[in-house]
């Protein structure tokens, strides 16, 4: 598969901050780290956009449970709170950094474990079902039917298809689904690795419709889902995830570059087990 990206980016893979730092400094994060009305005015003058506050969230149940919510969360979890805007990172595959997989035939699918088109790779790992429910905060946080979600994440070795050495010709672990009447999309995937410098996570973008997603227009939100520590530790104790054990031990949700300023709206509930598979669920208010 042809794509145009800087070869130097591939060398930066799994080097921690280099994954997501280039687009990390959102107005929300700058205000959190530095504070002050003067800074807010200065950022506004520079045209740096803002996004919603972190709020709400709950812990999971079952064999694998979520961790506790961030102590730095500042809002009360009102139904009108939107999921925070976050960086898409350098490997989005949406045309904003090289290759655009969203315009390719085959990207609309629920099972993202396999590559499509001329690629044939299969992502191995503990099975993970990802269920997102998109909510419309402008309409009482009711289900947003007919929207679309583009979701992607790294594989068991911390590699991103289309970009990382060894999988540049693959497009697995990427897919688009349209929300049903209940606002829900479901993806069949594998549990992602913990790579150096980042807490285990899943990227996603929300679009107003399937047509908008496949033409990359009118995007409503870019954000990330955080996976809970208890579930991660269960998965990383299995074959194939040995490097993730060390990487997980070197970071935390409270120090992660994306989630450090509050993650309660982004912390998924994970249930299940490593034998039968895990299920991660998250509400996505936009």
Protein backbone atom coordinates (compact mmCIF):
# COMPACT_ATOMS: atom_id res chain seq x y z
CA UNK A 1 0.00 0.00 0.00
CA UNK A 2 1.45 3.32 -1.02
CA UNK A 3 1.66 6.11 1.51
CA UNK A 4 3.68 9.27 1.97
CA UNK A 5 5.13 9.74 5.41
CA UNK A 6 8.51 10.82 6.70
CA UNK A 7 10.77 7.84 7.24
CA UNK A 8 12.16 9.55 10.32
CA UNK A 9 8.79 9.15 12.02
CA UNK A 10 9.12 5.38 11.83
CA UNK A 11 12.38 5.54 13.75
CA UNK A 12 10.64 7.41 16.57
CA UNK A 13 8.10 4.64 17.17
CA UNK A 14 8.03 3.36 20.75
CA UNK A 15 10.19 6.25 21.99
CA UNK A 16 7.62 7.57 24.38
CA UNK A 17 6.81 11.24 23.95
CA UNK A 18 7.59 11.17 20.24
CA UNK A 19 4.39 9.20 19.64
CA UNK A 20 1.93 11.91 20.54
CA UNK A 21 3.83 15.03 21.56
CA UNK A 22 3.74 16.85 18.19
CA UNK A 23 0.04 17.58 18.49
CA UNK A 24 -0.44 17.25 22.23
CA UNK A 25 -0.48 20.84 23.45
CA UNK A 26 -4.19 21.61 23.23
CA UNK A 27 -5.59 24.72 24.89
CA UNK A 28 -7.08 22.52 27.63
CA UNK A 29 -3.71 21.00 28.47
CA UNK A 30 -1.86 24.32 28.33
CA UNK A 31 -4.30 25.90 30.75
CA UNK A 32 -4.10 22.89 33.06
CA UNK A 33 -0.32 22.92 33.19
CA UNK A 34 0.31 26.66 33.33
CA UNK A 35 -2.97 28.24 34.42
CA UNK A 36 -3.92 31.90 34.54
CA UNK A 37 -6.43 34.14 32.85
CA UNK A 38 -3.61 35.95 31.07
CA UNK A 39 -2.46 32.74 29.43
CA UNK A 40 -6.01 31.91 28.43
CA UNK A 41 -6.31 35.27 26.69
CA UNK A 42 -2.95 34.81 25.00
CA UNK A 43 -3.88 31.35 23.73
CA UNK A 44 -7.21 32.60 22.49
CA UNK A 45 -5.40 35.34 20.62
CA UNK A 46 -3.20 32.72 18.97
CA UNK A 47 -6.29 30.83 17.82
CA UNK A 48 -5.62 27.69 19.84
CA UNK A 49 -8.93 25.87 20.18
CA UNK A 50 -10.44 24.49 23.37
CA UNK A 51 -12.50 21.44 24.32
CA UNK A 52 -14.66 20.03 27.08
CA UNK A 53 -13.73 19.26 30.68
CA UNK A 54 -13.13 15.77 32.06
CA UNK A 55 -16.03 14.67 34.23
CA UNK A 56 -17.99 11.73 35.54
CA UNK A 57 -17.19 8.07 34.86
CA UNK A 58 -17.51 4.83 36.80
CA UNK A 59 -15.46 1.79 37.65
CA UNK A 60 -16.02 -1.55 36.02
CA UNK A 61 -17.10 -4.93 37.30
CA UNK A 62 -16.65 -8.58 36.46
CA UNK A 63 -13.36 -10.43 36.10
CA UNK A 64 -11.52 -7.30 35.02
CA UNK A 65 -12.34 -3.97 36.62
CA UNK A 66 -11.38 -0.40 35.93
CA UNK A 67 -9.12 1.65 38.18
CA UNK A 68 -10.17 4.68 40.18
CA UNK A 69 -11.02 8.01 38.57
CA UNK A 70 -8.44 10.79 38.39
CA UNK A 71 -8.15 12.92 41.48
CA UNK A 72 -7.41 15.87 39.21
CA UNK A 73 -10.86 15.75 37.66
CA UNK A 74 -12.46 19.10 38.33
CA UNK A 75 -16.05 18.89 37.15
CA UNK A 76 -19.00 17.01 38.54
CA UNK A 77 -19.97 14.67 35.71
CA UNK A 78 -23.00 16.60 34.47
CA UNK A 79 -24.76 14.98 31.51
CA UNK A 80 -23.76 17.91 29.29
CA UNK A 81 -20.02 17.25 29.72
CA UNK A 82 -18.33 16.32 26.46
CA UNK A 83 -15.53 13.81 26.11
CA UNK A 84 -12.25 15.76 25.89
CA UNK A 85 -10.61 16.57 22.60
CA UNK A 86 -7.24 14.81 22.38
CA UNK A 87 -4.39 14.41 19.94
CA UNK A 88 -4.81 11.89 17.14
CA UNK A 89 -1.08 11.18 17.39
CA UNK A 90 1.25 10.87 14.42
CA UNK A 91 -0.33 7.66 13.07
CA UNK A 92 -4.01 8.52 12.42
CA UNK A 93 -4.37 7.18 8.89
CA UNK A 94 -7.01 9.82 8.17
CA UNK A 95 -4.99 11.85 5.69
CA UNK A 96 -3.79 14.40 8.25
CA UNK A 97 -0.37 12.75 8.34
CA UNK A 98 0.28 10.87 5.13
CA UNK A 99 -1.90 7.92 4.15
CA UNK A 100 -5.71 8.19 4.22
CA UNK A 101 -7.30 4.81 4.88
CA UNK A 102 -10.78 6.29 5.39
CA UNK A 103 -11.37 6.68 1.67
CA UNK A 104 -10.49 3.05 0.91
CA UNK A 105 -13.07 0.40 0.17
CA UNK A 106 -13.24 -2.02 3.08
CA UNK A 107 -12.63 0.42 5.93
CA UNK A 108 -16.28 0.20 7.04
CA UNK A 109 -16.25 -2.97 9.11
CA UNK A 110 -16.76 -4.27 12.62
CA UNK A 111 -13.97 -6.86 12.77
CA UNK A 112 -10.70 -4.94 12.61
CA UNK A 113 -8.35 -7.79 13.49
CA UNK A 114 -7.52 -8.44 9.82
CA UNK A 115 -6.17 -6.20 7.10
CA UNK A 116 -8.38 -5.59 4.07
CA UNK A 117 -7.84 -4.96 0.37
CA UNK A 118 -4.50 -6.25 -0.93
CA UNK A 119 -3.14 -6.68 2.62
CA UNK A 120 -3.60 -9.96 4.48
CA UNK A 121 -2.07 -9.55 7.93
CA UNK A 122 -3.86 -10.61 11.11
CA UNK A 123 -3.31 -8.93 14.49
CA UNK A 124 -2.74 -11.53 17.20
CA UNK A 125 -3.54 -11.02 20.87
CA UNK A 126 -6.15 -11.37 23.60
CA UNK A 127 -9.58 -10.77 22.00
CA UNK A 128 -11.10 -7.40 22.85
CA UNK A 129 -14.58 -6.19 21.94
CA UNK A 130 -14.83 -2.38 22.00
CA UNK A 131 -18.28 -0.86 22.46
CA UNK A 132 -18.73 2.91 22.24
CA UNK A 133 -22.05 4.69 22.76
CA UNK A 134 -22.12 8.14 21.16
CA UNK A 135 -24.29 10.66 23.01
CA UNK A 136 -25.59 14.01 21.78
CA UNK A 137 -24.98 16.61 24.50
CA UNK A 138 -27.00 19.19 22.56
CA UNK A 139 -30.04 16.94 22.83
CA UNK A 140 -30.08 15.97 26.49
CA UNK A 141 -27.24 13.46 25.99
CA UNK A 142 -29.53 11.11 24.14
CA UNK A 143 -28.18 8.50 21.74
CA UNK A 144 -26.69 9.97 18.55
CA UNK A 145 -27.96 7.64 15.84
CA UNK A 146 -26.47 7.66 12.35
CA UNK A 147 -23.12 9.07 13.43
CA UNK A 148 -19.87 7.26 12.59
CA UNK A 149 -16.79 6.31 14.57
CA UNK A 150 -13.34 5.71 13.12
CA UNK A 151 -11.29 3.70 15.63
CA UNK A 152 -7.64 2.61 15.61
CA UNK A 153 -4.93 1.41 17.99
CA UNK A 154 -1.56 -0.33 18.11
CA UNK A 155 -1.05 -4.08 17.95
CA UNK A 156 0.37 -6.48 20.52
CA UNK A 157 3.90 -5.31 19.73
CA UNK A 158 3.06 -1.61 20.02
CA UNK A 159 3.09 -1.08 16.24
CA UNK A 160 0.61 0.99 14.23
CA UNK A 161 -0.41 -0.40 10.86
CA UNK A 162 0.41 1.77 7.82
CA UNK A 163 3.28 3.48 9.69
CA UNK A 164 5.42 1.23 11.88
CA UNK A 165 8.33 -0.86 10.63
CA UNK A 166 7.13 -4.31 9.64
CA UNK A 167 3.47 -3.36 9.22
CA UNK A 168 3.56 -0.45 6.78
CA UNK A 169 1.69 -2.55 4.21
CA UNK A 170 -0.97 -3.67 6.71
CA UNK A 171 -4.14 -1.78 7.69
CA UNK A 172 -5.43 -3.92 10.52
CA UNK A 173 -6.75 -2.47 13.80
CA UNK A 174 -8.50 0.34 11.93
CA UNK A 175 -12.17 0.54 11.04
CA UNK A 176 -15.31 2.62 10.78
CA UNK A 177 -18.76 1.81 12.10
CA UNK A 178 -22.07 3.72 11.96
CA UNK A 179 -23.99 4.14 15.21
CA UNK A 180 -27.32 2.38 15.48
CA UNK A 181 -30.54 3.74 16.95
CA UNK A 182 -29.04 3.41 20.42
CA UNK A 183 -25.91 5.34 19.44
CA UNK A 184 -23.68 2.28 19.77
CA UNK A 185 -20.85 0.94 17.63
CA UNK A 186 -19.03 -2.34 18.24
CA UNK A 187 -15.56 -3.36 17.07
CA UNK A 188 -13.97 -6.80 17.29
CA UNK A 189 -10.27 -6.33 17.99
CA UNK A 190 -7.35 -7.40 20.17
CA UNK A 191 -6.03 -5.87 23.37
CA UNK A 192 -3.40 -3.24 22.48
CA UNK A 193 0.09 -3.16 23.94
CA UNK A 194 1.52 -0.68 26.40
CA UNK A 195 4.31 0.97 24.48
CA UNK A 196 7.04 3.12 25.96
CA UNK A 197 5.86 6.45 27.33
CA UNK A 198 2.09 5.94 27.02
CA UNK A 199 -0.68 4.37 29.05
CA UNK A 200 -2.62 1.70 27.06
CA UNK A 201 -5.22 3.46 24.95
CA UNK A 202 -7.43 3.42 21.86
CA UNK A 203 -7.81 6.34 19.45
CA UNK A 204 -11.11 7.31 17.83
CA UNK A 205 -12.75 10.06 15.81
CA UNK A 206 -16.48 10.80 15.71
CA UNK A 207 -18.18 12.05 12.53
CA UNK A 208 -21.78 13.17 11.94
CA UNK A 209 -22.41 10.42 9.38
CA UNK A 210 -20.85 7.48 7.58
CA UNK A 211 -20.44 9.60 4.46
CA UNK A 212 -18.66 12.28 6.48
CA UNK A 213 -16.28 9.70 7.96
CA UNK A 214 -15.35 8.16 4.61
CA UNK A 215 -14.78 11.61 3.08
CA UNK A 216 -13.05 12.91 6.23
CA UNK A 217 -15.32 15.90 6.65
CA UNK A 218 -17.20 17.56 9.52
CA UNK A 219 -15.39 15.71 12.29
CA UNK A 220 -17.11 16.18 15.66
CA UNK A 221 -14.42 14.96 18.04
CA UNK A 222 -11.03 13.27 18.27
CA UNK A 223 -10.35 11.53 21.57
CA UNK A 224 -8.80 8.52 23.28
CA UNK A 225 -10.09 5.68 25.44
CA UNK A 226 -7.99 4.65 28.45
CA UNK A 227 -7.82 1.01 29.49
CA UNK A 228 -7.92 0.20 33.23
CA UNK A 229 -4.87 -1.08 35.07
CA UNK A 230 -6.40 -4.29 36.41
CA UNK A 231 -7.42 -5.49 32.96
CA UNK A 232 -4.06 -4.51 31.48
CA UNK A 233 -2.16 -6.50 34.07
CA UNK A 234 -4.27 -9.60 33.35
CA UNK A 235 -3.71 -9.35 29.62
CA UNK A 236 -0.01 -8.52 29.81
CA UNK A 237 0.65 -11.64 31.87
CA UNK A 238 -0.19 -13.72 28.78
CA UNK A 239 2.13 -14.81 25.96
CA UNK A 240 3.15 -12.12 23.50
CA UNK A 241 2.77 -9.12 25.80
CA UNK A 242 6.00 -9.40 27.82
CA UNK A 243 7.34 -5.98 26.80
CA UNK A 244 4.07 -4.37 27.88
CA UNK A 245 4.64 -5.49 31.46
CA UNK A 246 7.74 -3.31 31.74
CA UNK A 247 6.22 -0.40 29.83
CA UNK A 248 3.07 -0.40 31.99
CA UNK A 249 5.17 -0.29 35.15
CA UNK A 250 6.94 2.85 33.95
CA UNK A 251 3.86 5.04 33.58
CA UNK A 252 0.41 5.63 35.07
CA UNK A 253 -2.87 7.28 34.19
CA UNK A 254 -1.96 10.17 36.47
CA UNK A 255 1.33 10.82 34.67
CA UNK A 256 0.39 9.87 31.11
CA UNK A 257 0.80 12.81 28.70
CA UNK A 258 -2.81 12.62 27.55
CA UNK A 259 -4.72 11.46 30.62
CA UNK A 260 -2.80 13.27 33.38
CA UNK A 261 -5.20 16.22 33.49
CA UNK A 262 -8.27 14.04 34.09
CA UNK A 263 -9.53 10.84 32.53
CA UNK A 264 -12.85 9.93 34.12
CA UNK A 265 -14.80 10.44 30.88
CA UNK A 266 -12.22 8.38 28.99
CA UNK A 267 -11.68 5.45 31.34
CA UNK A 268 -13.42 2.41 29.88
CA UNK A 269 -15.19 -0.28 31.83
CA UNK A 270 -13.59 -3.64 31.00
CA UNK A 271 -15.11 -7.01 31.79
CA UNK A 272 -14.31 -10.58 30.82
CA UNK A 273 -11.14 -12.64 31.02
CA UNK A 274 -8.11 -13.49 28.92
CA UNK A 275 -9.48 -16.91 27.96
CA UNK A 276 -12.89 -15.90 26.67
CA UNK A 277 -11.95 -12.35 25.72
CA UNK A 278 -12.45 -8.92 27.20
CA UNK A 279 -15.05 -6.23 26.50
CA UNK A 280 -14.35 -2.52 26.87
CA UNK A 281 -17.31 -0.13 27.00
CA UNK A 282 -17.38 3.66 27.06
CA UNK A 283 -19.95 6.43 26.62
CA UNK A 284 -18.79 9.12 24.20
CA UNK A 285 -20.71 12.38 24.76
CA UNK A 286 -20.06 14.90 21.95
